[in-house]
Amino acid sequence: MSFTAMQTPPPPAPEPYVNSAAVRAYLGGVSAHTLNIWLANGLPCRRVPTQARGGRLMFKLSEVDAWLRDYQSNRTANPPGDNGDIEGVDVA
């Protein structure tokens, strides 16, 4: 009788970080201004040091999706003006 070793699948690769241009494209081409408003409202990102002043912002798309779901539900529960949101900013 022959036995074969069970191979365990490799662990999933960690989610990559993407830059702000990729996030804007992923979200349907939102403007840099809109992205900056969302950053001021808590959109999660990591600042990666670079030679340039200020560094580069990097994002995980799963964190962006989760934040947008929460942001949209808060805007639905509290109409613009009730919680300091800027009217006319489309979150999708």
PDB file of N, CA and C in Angstrom:
ATOM      1  N   MET A   1       0.843  -1.164   0.000  1.00  0.00           N
ATOM      2  CA  MET A   1       0.000   0.000   0.000  1.00  0.00           C
ATOM      3  C   MET A   1       0.897   1.238   0.000  1.00  0.00           C
ATOM      4  N   SER A   2       0.563   2.223  -0.823  1.00  0.00           N
ATOM      5  CA  SER A   2       1.397   3.429  -0.857  1.00  0.00           C
ATOM      6  C   SER A   2       0.617   4.602  -0.283  1.00  0.00           C
ATOM      7  N   PHE A   3       1.331   5.417   0.437  1.00  0.00           N
ATOM      8  CA  PHE A   3       0.741   6.607   1.045  1.00  0.00           C
ATOM      9  C   PHE A   3       1.364   7.835   0.397  1.00  0.00           C
ATOM     10  N   THR A   4       0.551   8.811   0.154  1.00  0.00           N
ATOM     11  CA  THR A   4       1.085  10.071  -0.380  1.00  0.00           C
ATOM     12  C   THR A   4       0.894  11.141   0.685  1.00  0.00           C
ATOM     13  N   ALA A   5       1.875  11.953   0.805  1.00  0.00           N
ATOM     14  CA  ALA A   5       1.798  13.038   1.785  1.00  0.00           C
ATOM     15  C   ALA A   5       0.770  14.066   1.311  1.00  0.00           C
ATOM     16  N   MET A   6      -0.057  14.494   2.254  1.00  0.00           N
ATOM     17  CA  MET A   6      -1.020  15.539   1.919  1.00  0.00           C
ATOM     18  C   MET A   6      -0.273  16.854   1.828  1.00  0.00           C
ATOM     19  N   GLN A   7      -0.470  17.515   0.755  1.00  0.00           N
ATOM     20  CA  GLN A   7       0.167  18.809   0.595  1.00  0.00           C
ATOM     21  C   GLN A   7      -0.801  19.877   1.082  1.00  0.00           C
ATOM     22  N   THR A   8      -0.318  20.724   1.952  1.00  0.00           N
ATOM     23  CA  THR A   8      -1.150  21.824   2.407  1.00  0.00           C
ATOM     24  C   THR A   8      -0.965  22.978   1.434  1.00  0.00           C
ATOM     25  N   PRO A   9      -2.047  23.663   1.137  1.00  0.00           N
ATOM     26  CA  PRO A   9      -1.920  24.778   0.204  1.00  0.00           C
ATOM     27  C   PRO A   9      -1.077  25.890   0.838  1.00  0.00           C
ATOM     28  N   PRO A  10      -0.366  26.633   0.018  1.00  0.00           N
ATOM     29  CA  PRO A  10       0.428  27.733   0.570  1.00  0.00           C
ATOM     30  C   PRO A  10      -0.501  28.796   1.148  1.00  0.00           C
ATOM     31  N   PRO A  11      -0.032  29.540   2.128  1.00  0.00           N
ATOM     32  CA  PRO A  11      -0.885  30.601   2.681  1.00  0.00           C
ATOM     33  C   PRO A  11      -1.156  31.656   1.606  1.00  0.00           C
ATOM     34  N   PRO A  12      -2.297  32.309   1.705  1.00  0.00           N
ATOM     35  CA  PRO A  12      -2.607  33.322   0.700  1.00  0.00           C
ATOM     36  C   PRO A  12      -1.587  34.463   0.759  1.00  0.00           C
ATOM     37  N   ALA A  13      -1.300  35.025  -0.372  1.00  0.00           N
ATOM     38  CA  ALA A  13      -0.364  36.150  -0.432  1.00  0.00           C
ATOM     39  C   ALA A  13      -0.999  37.355   0.259  1.00  0.00           C
ATOM     40  N   PRO A  14      -0.212  38.131   0.970  1.00  0.00           N
ATOM     41  CA  PRO A  14      -0.791  39.320   1.604  1.00  0.00           C
ATOM     42  C   PRO A  14      -1.293  40.301   0.541  1.00  0.00           C
ATOM     43  N   GLU A  15      -2.318  41.027   0.905  1.00  0.00           N
ATOM     44  CA  GLU A  15      -2.884  41.994  -0.028  1.00  0.00           C
ATOM     45  C   GLU A  15      -1.860  43.089  -0.323  1.00  0.00           C
ATOM     46  N   PRO A  16      -1.665  43.408  -1.582  1.00  0.00           N
ATOM     47  CA  PRO A  16      -0.680  44.443  -1.911  1.00  0.00           C
ATOM     48  C   PRO A  16      -1.223  45.842  -1.604  1.00  0.00           C
ATOM     49  N   TYR A  17      -0.312  46.754  -1.399  1.00  0.00           N
ATOM     50  CA  TYR A  17      -0.674  48.164  -1.280  1.00  0.00           C
ATOM     51  C   TYR A  17      -0.694  48.767  -2.679  1.00  0.00           C
ATOM     52  N   VAL A  18      -1.590  49.721  -2.893  1.00  0.00           N
ATOM     53  CA  VAL A  18      -1.667  50.416  -4.181  1.00  0.00           C
ATOM     54  C   VAL A  18      -1.559  51.916  -3.925  1.00  0.00           C
ATOM     55  N   ASN A  19      -1.151  52.658  -4.951  1.00  0.00           N
ATOM     56  CA  ASN A  19      -0.986  54.098  -4.787  1.00  0.00           C
ATOM     57  C   ASN A  19      -2.315  54.828  -4.984  1.00  0.00           C
ATOM     58  N   SER A  20      -2.290  56.142  -4.781  1.00  0.00           N
ATOM     59  CA  SER A  20      -3.526  56.921  -4.842  1.00  0.00           C
ATOM     60  C   SER A  20      -4.128  56.931  -6.243  1.00  0.00           C
ATOM     61  N   ALA A  21      -3.299  56.900  -7.292  1.00  0.00           N
ATOM     62  CA  ALA A  21      -3.843  56.864  -8.649  1.00  0.00           C
ATOM     63  C   ALA A  21      -4.631  55.574  -8.876  1.00  0.00           C
ATOM     64  N   ALA A  22      -4.127  54.462  -8.369  1.00  0.00           N
ATOM     65  CA  ALA A  22      -4.835  53.185  -8.514  1.00  0.00           C
ATOM     66  C   ALA A  22      -6.142  53.195  -7.719  1.00  0.00           C
ATOM     67  N   VAL A  23      -6.150  53.799  -6.544  1.00  0.00           N
ATOM     68  CA  VAL A  23      -7.374  53.889  -5.741  1.00  0.00           C
ATOM     69  C   VAL A  23      -8.405  54.746  -6.460  1.00  0.00           C
ATOM     70  N   ARG A  24      -7.963  55.891  -6.997  1.00  0.00           N
ATOM     71  CA  ARG A  24      -8.892  56.764  -7.714  1.00  0.00           C
ATOM     72  C   ARG A  24      -9.500  56.044  -8.914  1.00  0.00           C
ATOM     73  N   ALA A  25      -8.694  55.295  -9.650  1.00  0.00           N
ATOM     74  CA  ALA A  25      -9.203  54.534 -10.796  1.00  0.00           C
ATOM     75  C   ALA A  25     -10.150  53.431 -10.330  1.00  0.00           C
ATOM     76  N   TYR A  26      -9.795  52.743  -9.256  1.00  0.00           N
ATOM     77  CA  TYR A  26     -10.623  51.667  -8.696  1.00  0.00           C
ATOM     78  C   TYR A  26     -12.000  52.201  -8.296  1.00  0.00           C
ATOM     79  N   LEU A  27     -12.036  53.431  -7.811  1.00  0.00           N
ATOM     80  CA  LEU A  27     -13.294  54.033  -7.360  1.00  0.00           C
ATOM     81  C   LEU A  27     -14.027  54.764  -8.475  1.00  0.00           C
ATOM     82  N   GLY A  28     -13.668  54.474  -9.703  1.00  0.00           N
ATOM     83  CA  GLY A  28     -14.395  55.044 -10.832  1.00  0.00           C
ATOM     84  C   GLY A  28     -13.893  56.400 -11.270  1.00  0.00           C
ATOM     85  N   GLY A  29     -12.668  56.733 -10.947  1.00  0.00           N
ATOM     86  CA  GLY A  29     -12.091  57.995 -11.396  1.00  0.00           C
ATOM     87  C   GLY A  29     -12.442  59.192 -10.533  1.00  0.00           C
ATOM     88  N   VAL A  30     -12.570  58.994  -9.218  1.00  0.00           N
ATOM     89  CA  VAL A  30     -12.835  60.140  -8.346  1.00  0.00           C
ATOM     90  C   VAL A  30     -11.676  61.120  -8.448  1.00  0.00           C
ATOM     91  N   SER A  31     -11.939  62.368  -8.173  1.00  0.00           N
ATOM     92  CA  SER A  31     -10.907  63.400  -8.280  1.00  0.00           C
ATOM     93  C   SER A  31      -9.941  63.325  -7.107  1.00  0.00           C
ATOM     94  N   ALA A  32      -8.785  63.940  -7.286  1.00  0.00           N
ATOM     95  CA  ALA A  32      -7.806  64.032  -6.203  1.00  0.00           C
ATOM     96  C   ALA A  32      -8.396  64.833  -5.039  1.00  0.00           C
ATOM     97  N   HIS A  33      -9.213  65.816  -5.359  1.00  0.00           N
ATOM     98  CA  HIS A  33      -9.857  66.622  -4.317  1.00  0.00           C
ATOM     99  C   HIS A  33     -10.776  65.762  -3.443  1.00  0.00           C
ATOM    100  N   THR A  34     -11.581  64.921  -4.087  1.00  0.00           N
ATOM    101  CA  THR A  34     -12.471  64.028  -3.341  1.00  0.00           C
ATOM    102  C   THR A  34     -11.667  63.073  -2.472  1.00  0.00           C
ATOM    103  N   LEU A  35     -10.605  62.516  -3.022  1.00  0.00           N
ATOM    104  CA  LEU A  35      -9.764  61.614  -2.238  1.00  0.00           C
ATOM    105  C   LEU A  35      -9.182  62.341  -1.029  1.00  0.00           C
ATOM    106  N   ASN A  36      -8.766  63.585  -1.193  1.00  0.00           N
ATOM    107  CA  ASN A  36      -8.242  64.358  -0.065  1.00  0.00           C
ATOM    108  C   ASN A  36      -9.306  64.622   0.994  1.00  0.00           C
ATOM    109  N   ILE A  37     -10.531  64.861   0.567  1.00  0.00           N
ATOM    110  CA  ILE A  37     -11.630  65.044   1.528  1.00  0.00           C
ATOM    111  C   ILE A  37     -11.826  63.758   2.322  1.00  0.00           C
ATOM    112  N   TRP A  38     -11.823  62.625   1.629  1.00  0.00           N
ATOM    113  CA  TRP A  38     -11.997  61.352   2.316  1.00  0.00           C
ATOM    114  C   TRP A  38     -10.837  61.066   3.258  1.00  0.00           C
ATOM    115  N   LEU A  39      -9.616  61.431   2.868  1.00  0.00           N
ATOM    116  CA  LEU A  39      -8.469  61.255   3.767  1.00  0.00           C
ATOM    117  C   LEU A  39      -8.656  62.087   5.028  1.00  0.00           C
ATOM    118  N   ALA A  40      -9.157  63.300   4.874  1.00  0.00           N
ATOM    119  CA  ALA A  40      -9.417  64.157   6.036  1.00  0.00           C
ATOM    120  C   ALA A  40     -10.515  63.580   6.921  1.00  0.00           C
ATOM    121  N   ASN A  41     -11.403  62.763   6.334  1.00  0.00           N
ATOM    122  CA  ASN A  41     -12.489  62.133   7.080  1.00  0.00           C
ATOM    123  C   ASN A  41     -12.144  60.730   7.557  1.00  0.00           C
ATOM    124  N   GLY A  42     -10.875  60.329   7.424  1.00  0.00           N
ATOM    125  CA  GLY A  42     -10.448  59.068   8.022  1.00  0.00           C
ATOM    126  C   GLY A  42     -10.185  57.913   7.084  1.00  0.00           C
ATOM    127  N   LEU A  43     -10.150  58.131   5.764  1.00  0.00           N
ATOM    128  CA  LEU A  43      -9.833  57.051   4.837  1.00  0.00           C
ATOM    129  C   LEU A  43      -8.469  56.470   5.213  1.00  0.00           C
ATOM    130  N   PRO A  44      -8.391  55.156   5.463  1.00  0.00           N
ATOM    131  CA  PRO A  44      -7.127  54.572   5.927  1.00  0.00           C
ATOM    132  C   PRO A  44      -6.074  54.510   4.821  1.00  0.00           C
ATOM    133  N   CYS A  45      -4.860  54.895   5.174  1.00  0.00           N
ATOM    134  CA  CYS A  45      -3.734  54.817   4.245  1.00  0.00           C
ATOM    135  C   CYS A  45      -2.449  54.712   5.046  1.00  0.00           C
ATOM    136  N   ARG A  46      -1.380  54.382   4.371  1.00  0.00           N
ATOM    137  CA  ARG A  46      -0.045  54.334   4.979  1.00  0.00           C
ATOM    138  C   ARG A  46       0.826  55.329   4.242  1.00  0.00           C
ATOM    139  N   ARG A  47       1.603  56.081   4.969  1.00  0.00           N
ATOM    140  CA  ARG A  47       2.544  57.010   4.352  1.00  0.00           C
ATOM    141  C   ARG A  47       3.895  56.319   4.284  1.00  0.00           C
ATOM    142  N   VAL A  48       4.380  56.116   3.062  1.00  0.00           N
ATOM    143  CA  VAL A  48       5.657  55.459   2.851  1.00  0.00           C
ATOM    144  C   VAL A  48       6.700  56.546   2.604  1.00  0.00           C
ATOM    145  N   PRO A  49       7.755  56.579   3.413  1.00  0.00           N
ATOM    146  CA  PRO A  49       8.777  57.614   3.212  1.00  0.00           C
ATOM    147  C   PRO A  49       9.450  57.483   1.840  1.00  0.00           C
ATOM    148  N   THR A  50       9.679  58.609   1.224  1.00  0.00           N
ATOM    149  CA  THR A  50      10.405  58.657  -0.043  1.00  0.00           C
ATOM    150  C   THR A  50      11.372  59.827   0.012  1.00  0.00           C
ATOM    151  N   GLN A  51      12.164  59.980  -1.016  1.00  0.00           N
ATOM    152  CA  GLN A  51      13.084  61.114  -1.095  1.00  0.00           C
ATOM    153  C   GLN A  51      12.302  62.418  -1.223  1.00  0.00           C
ATOM    154  N   ALA A  52      11.131  62.336  -1.848  1.00  0.00           N
ATOM    155  CA  ALA A  52      10.300  63.520  -2.013  1.00  0.00           C
ATOM    156  C   ALA A  52       9.697  63.921  -0.664  1.00  0.00           C
ATOM    157  N   ARG A  53       9.456  65.189  -0.502  1.00  0.00           N
ATOM    158  CA  ARG A  53       8.877  65.696   0.741  1.00  0.00           C
ATOM    159  C   ARG A  53       7.491  65.103   0.966  1.00  0.00           C
ATOM    160  N   GLY A  54       7.239  64.600   2.145  1.00  0.00           N
ATOM    161  CA  GLY A  54       5.918  64.103   2.501  1.00  0.00           C
ATOM    162  C   GLY A  54       5.693  62.620   2.287  1.00  0.00           C
ATOM    163  N   GLY A  55       6.438  62.006   1.418  1.00  0.00           N
ATOM    164  CA  GLY A  55       6.268  60.579   1.192  1.00  0.00           C
ATOM    165  C   GLY A  55       5.148  60.272   0.223  1.00  0.00           C
ATOM    166  N   ARG A  56       4.808  59.001   0.147  1.00  0.00           N
ATOM    167  CA  ARG A  56       3.785  58.522  -0.782  1.00  0.00           C
ATOM    168  C   ARG A  56       2.693  57.821   0.021  1.00  0.00           C
ATOM    169  N   LEU A  57       1.442  58.068  -0.343  1.00  0.00           N
ATOM    170  CA  LEU A  57       0.326  57.406   0.325  1.00  0.00           C
ATOM    171  C   LEU A  57       0.044  56.087  -0.370  1.00  0.00           C
ATOM    172  N   MET A  58      -0.115  55.035   0.423  1.00  0.00           N
ATOM    173  CA  MET A  58      -0.415  53.711  -0.106  1.00  0.00           C
ATOM    174  C   MET A  58      -1.666  53.181   0.591  1.00  0.00           C
ATOM    175  N   PHE A  59      -2.460  52.413  -0.133  1.00  0.00           N
ATOM    176  CA  PHE A  59      -3.760  51.952   0.341  1.00  0.00           C
ATOM    177  C   PHE A  59      -3.910  50.455   0.109  1.00  0.00           C
ATOM    178  N   LYS A  60      -4.724  49.818   0.950  1.00  0.00           N
ATOM    179  CA  LYS A  60      -5.192  48.456   0.699  1.00  0.00           C
ATOM    180  C   LYS A  60      -6.644  48.588   0.264  1.00  0.00           C
ATOM    181  N   LEU A  61      -6.977  47.980  -0.878  1.00  0.00           N
ATOM    182  CA  LEU A  61      -8.322  48.145  -1.421  1.00  0.00           C
ATOM    183  C   LEU A  61      -9.395  47.597  -0.490  1.00  0.00           C
ATOM    184  N   SER A  62      -9.086  46.541   0.267  1.00  0.00           N
ATOM    185  CA  SER A  62     -10.082  46.005   1.203  1.00  0.00           C
ATOM    186  C   SER A  62     -10.393  47.029   2.299  1.00  0.00           C
ATOM    187  N   GLU A  63      -9.377  47.777   2.752  1.00  0.00           N
ATOM    188  CA  GLU A  63      -9.602  48.809   3.769  1.00  0.00           C
ATOM    189  C   GLU A  63     -10.391  49.976   3.188  1.00  0.00           C
ATOM    190  N   VAL A  64     -10.114  50.321   1.933  1.00  0.00           N
ATOM    191  CA  VAL A  64     -10.860  51.392   1.266  1.00  0.00           C
ATOM    192  C   VAL A  64     -12.326  50.994   1.128  1.00  0.00           C
ATOM    193  N   ASP A  65     -12.585  49.757   0.693  1.00  0.00           N
ATOM    194  CA  ASP A  65     -13.966  49.274   0.563  1.00  0.00           C
ATOM    195  C   ASP A  65     -14.703  49.317   1.902  1.00  0.00           C
ATOM    196  N   ALA A  66     -14.056  48.838   2.958  1.00  0.00           N
ATOM    197  CA  ALA A  66     -14.688  48.817   4.284  1.00  0.00           C
ATOM    198  C   ALA A  66     -14.975  50.241   4.760  1.00  0.00           C
ATOM    199  N   TRP A  67     -14.036  51.150   4.553  1.00  0.00           N
ATOM    200  CA  TRP A  67     -14.227  52.538   4.984  1.00  0.00           C
ATOM    201  C   TRP A  67     -15.377  53.180   4.201  1.00  0.00           C
ATOM    202  N   LEU A  68     -15.423  52.936   2.884  1.00  0.00           N
ATOM    203  CA  LEU A  68     -16.499  53.519   2.078  1.00  0.00           C
ATOM    204  C   LEU A  68     -17.871  53.014   2.499  1.00  0.00           C
ATOM    205  N   ARG A  69     -17.972  51.714   2.815  1.00  0.00           N
ATOM    206  CA  ARG A  69     -19.262  51.180   3.293  1.00  0.00           C
ATOM    207  C   ARG A  69     -19.689  51.907   4.561  1.00  0.00           C
ATOM    208  N   ASP A  70     -18.761  52.099   5.489  1.00  0.00           N
ATOM    209  CA  ASP A  70     -19.072  52.790   6.737  1.00  0.00           C
ATOM    210  C   ASP A  70     -19.408  54.260   6.472  1.00  0.00           C
ATOM    211  N   TYR A  71     -18.636  54.899   5.614  1.00  0.00           N
ATOM    212  CA  TYR A  71     -18.852  56.307   5.281  1.00  0.00           C
ATOM    213  C   TYR A  71     -20.225  56.502   4.647  1.00  0.00           C
ATOM    214  N   GLN A  72     -20.589  55.621   3.714  1.00  0.00           N
ATOM    215  CA  GLN A  72     -21.897  55.725   3.062  1.00  0.00           C
ATOM    216  C   GLN A  72     -23.030  55.491   4.048  1.00  0.00           C
ATOM    217  N   SER A  73     -22.878  54.525   4.958  1.00  0.00           N
ATOM    218  CA  SER A  73     -23.949  54.264   5.925  1.00  0.00           C
ATOM    219  C   SER A  73     -24.097  55.435   6.888  1.00  0.00           C
ATOM    220  N   ASN A  74     -23.000  56.082   7.248  1.00  0.00           N
ATOM    221  CA  ASN A  74     -23.080  57.257   8.128  1.00  0.00           C
ATOM    222  C   ASN A  74     -23.736  58.423   7.416  1.00  0.00           C
ATOM    223  N   ARG A  75     -23.451  58.591   6.125  1.00  0.00           N
ATOM    224  CA  ARG A  75     -24.071  59.685   5.368  1.00  0.00           C
ATOM    225  C   ARG A  75     -25.560  59.440   5.196  1.00  0.00           C
ATOM    226  N   THR A  76     -25.979  58.181   5.089  1.00  0.00           N
ATOM    227  CA  THR A  76     -27.398  57.864   4.960  1.00  0.00           C
ATOM    228  C   THR A  76     -28.118  58.133   6.270  1.00  0.00           C
ATOM    229  N   ALA A  77     -27.477  57.754   7.383  1.00  0.00           N
ATOM    230  CA  ALA A  77     -28.086  57.942   8.700  1.00  0.00           C
ATOM    231  C   ALA A  77     -28.093  59.414   9.100  1.00  0.00           C
ATOM    232  N   ASN A  78     -27.057  60.164   8.711  1.00  0.00           N
ATOM    233  CA  ASN A  78     -26.933  61.580   9.045  1.00  0.00           C
ATOM    234  C   ASN A  78     -26.763  62.366   7.750  1.00  0.00           C
ATOM    235  N   PRO A  79     -27.821  63.011   7.275  1.00  0.00           N
ATOM    236  CA  PRO A  79     -27.719  63.746   6.011  1.00  0.00           C
ATOM    237  C   PRO A  79     -26.608  64.793   6.059  1.00  0.00           C
ATOM    238  N   PRO A  80     -26.084  65.208   4.893  1.00  0.00           N
ATOM    239  CA  PRO A  80     -25.033  66.222   4.860  1.00  0.00           C
ATOM    240  C   PRO A  80     -25.422  67.444   5.679  1.00  0.00           C
ATOM    241  N   GLY A  81     -24.465  68.000   6.379  1.00  0.00           N
ATOM    242  CA  GLY A  81     -24.726  69.143   7.234  1.00  0.00           C
ATOM    243  C   GLY A  81     -24.900  68.735   8.681  1.00  0.00           C
ATOM    244  N   ASP A  82     -25.398  67.523   8.938  1.00  0.00           N
ATOM    245  CA  ASP A  82     -25.592  67.060  10.306  1.00  0.00           C
ATOM    246  C   ASP A  82     -24.285  66.650  10.972  1.00  0.00           C
ATOM    247  N   ASN A  83     -23.321  66.151  10.180  1.00  0.00           N
ATOM    248  CA  ASN A  83     -22.080  65.671  10.776  1.00  0.00           C
ATOM    249  C   ASN A  83     -20.848  66.307  10.146  1.00  0.00           C
ATOM    250  N   GLY A  84     -21.004  67.462   9.524  1.00  0.00           N
ATOM    251  CA  GLY A  84     -19.865  68.162   8.968  1.00  0.00           C
ATOM    252  C   GLY A  84     -19.469  67.719   7.568  1.00  0.00           C
ATOM    253  N   ASP A  85     -20.225  66.835   6.940  1.00  0.00           N
ATOM    254  CA  ASP A  85     -19.899  66.411   5.579  1.00  0.00           C
ATOM    255  C   ASP A  85     -20.122  67.551   4.605  1.00  0.00           C
ATOM    256  N   ILE A  86     -19.404  67.525   3.534  1.00  0.00           N
ATOM    257  CA  ILE A  86     -19.545  68.525   2.504  1.00  0.00           C
ATOM    258  C   ILE A  86     -20.622  68.064   1.534  1.00  0.00           C
ATOM    259  N   GLU A  87     -21.588  68.914   1.299  1.00  0.00           N
ATOM    260  CA  GLU A  87     -22.683  68.550   0.391  1.00  0.00           C
ATOM    261  C   GLU A  87     -22.158  68.432  -1.030  1.00  0.00           C
ATOM    262  N   GLY A  88     -22.741  67.508  -1.782  1.00  0.00           N
ATOM    263  CA  GLY A  88     -22.407  67.370  -3.180  1.00  0.00           C
ATOM    264  C   GLY A  88     -21.237  66.436  -3.460  1.00  0.00           C
ATOM    265  N   VAL A  89     -20.625  65.860  -2.425  1.00  0.00           N
ATOM    266  CA  VAL A  89     -19.518  64.928  -2.646  1.00  0.00           C
ATOM    267  C   VAL A  89     -20.105  63.539  -2.818  1.00  0.00           C
ATOM    268  N   ASP A  90     -19.908  62.971  -3.988  1.00  0.00           N
ATOM    269  CA  ASP A  90     -20.418  61.639  -4.287  1.00  0.00           C
ATOM    270  C   ASP A  90     -19.435  60.614  -3.741  1.00  0.00           C
ATOM    271  N   VAL A  91     -19.907  59.689  -2.901  1.00  0.00           N
ATOM    272  CA  VAL A  91     -19.012  58.715  -2.287  1.00  0.00           C
ATOM    273  C   VAL A  91     -18.837  57.455  -3.100  1.00  0.00           C
ATOM    274  N   ALA A  92     -19.447  57.361  -4.237  1.00  0.00           N
ATOM    275  CA  ALA A  92     -19.266  56.141  -5.041  1.00  0.00           C
ATOM    276  C   ALA A  92     -18.784  56.439  -6.417  1.00  0.00           C
TER     277      ALA A  92
END
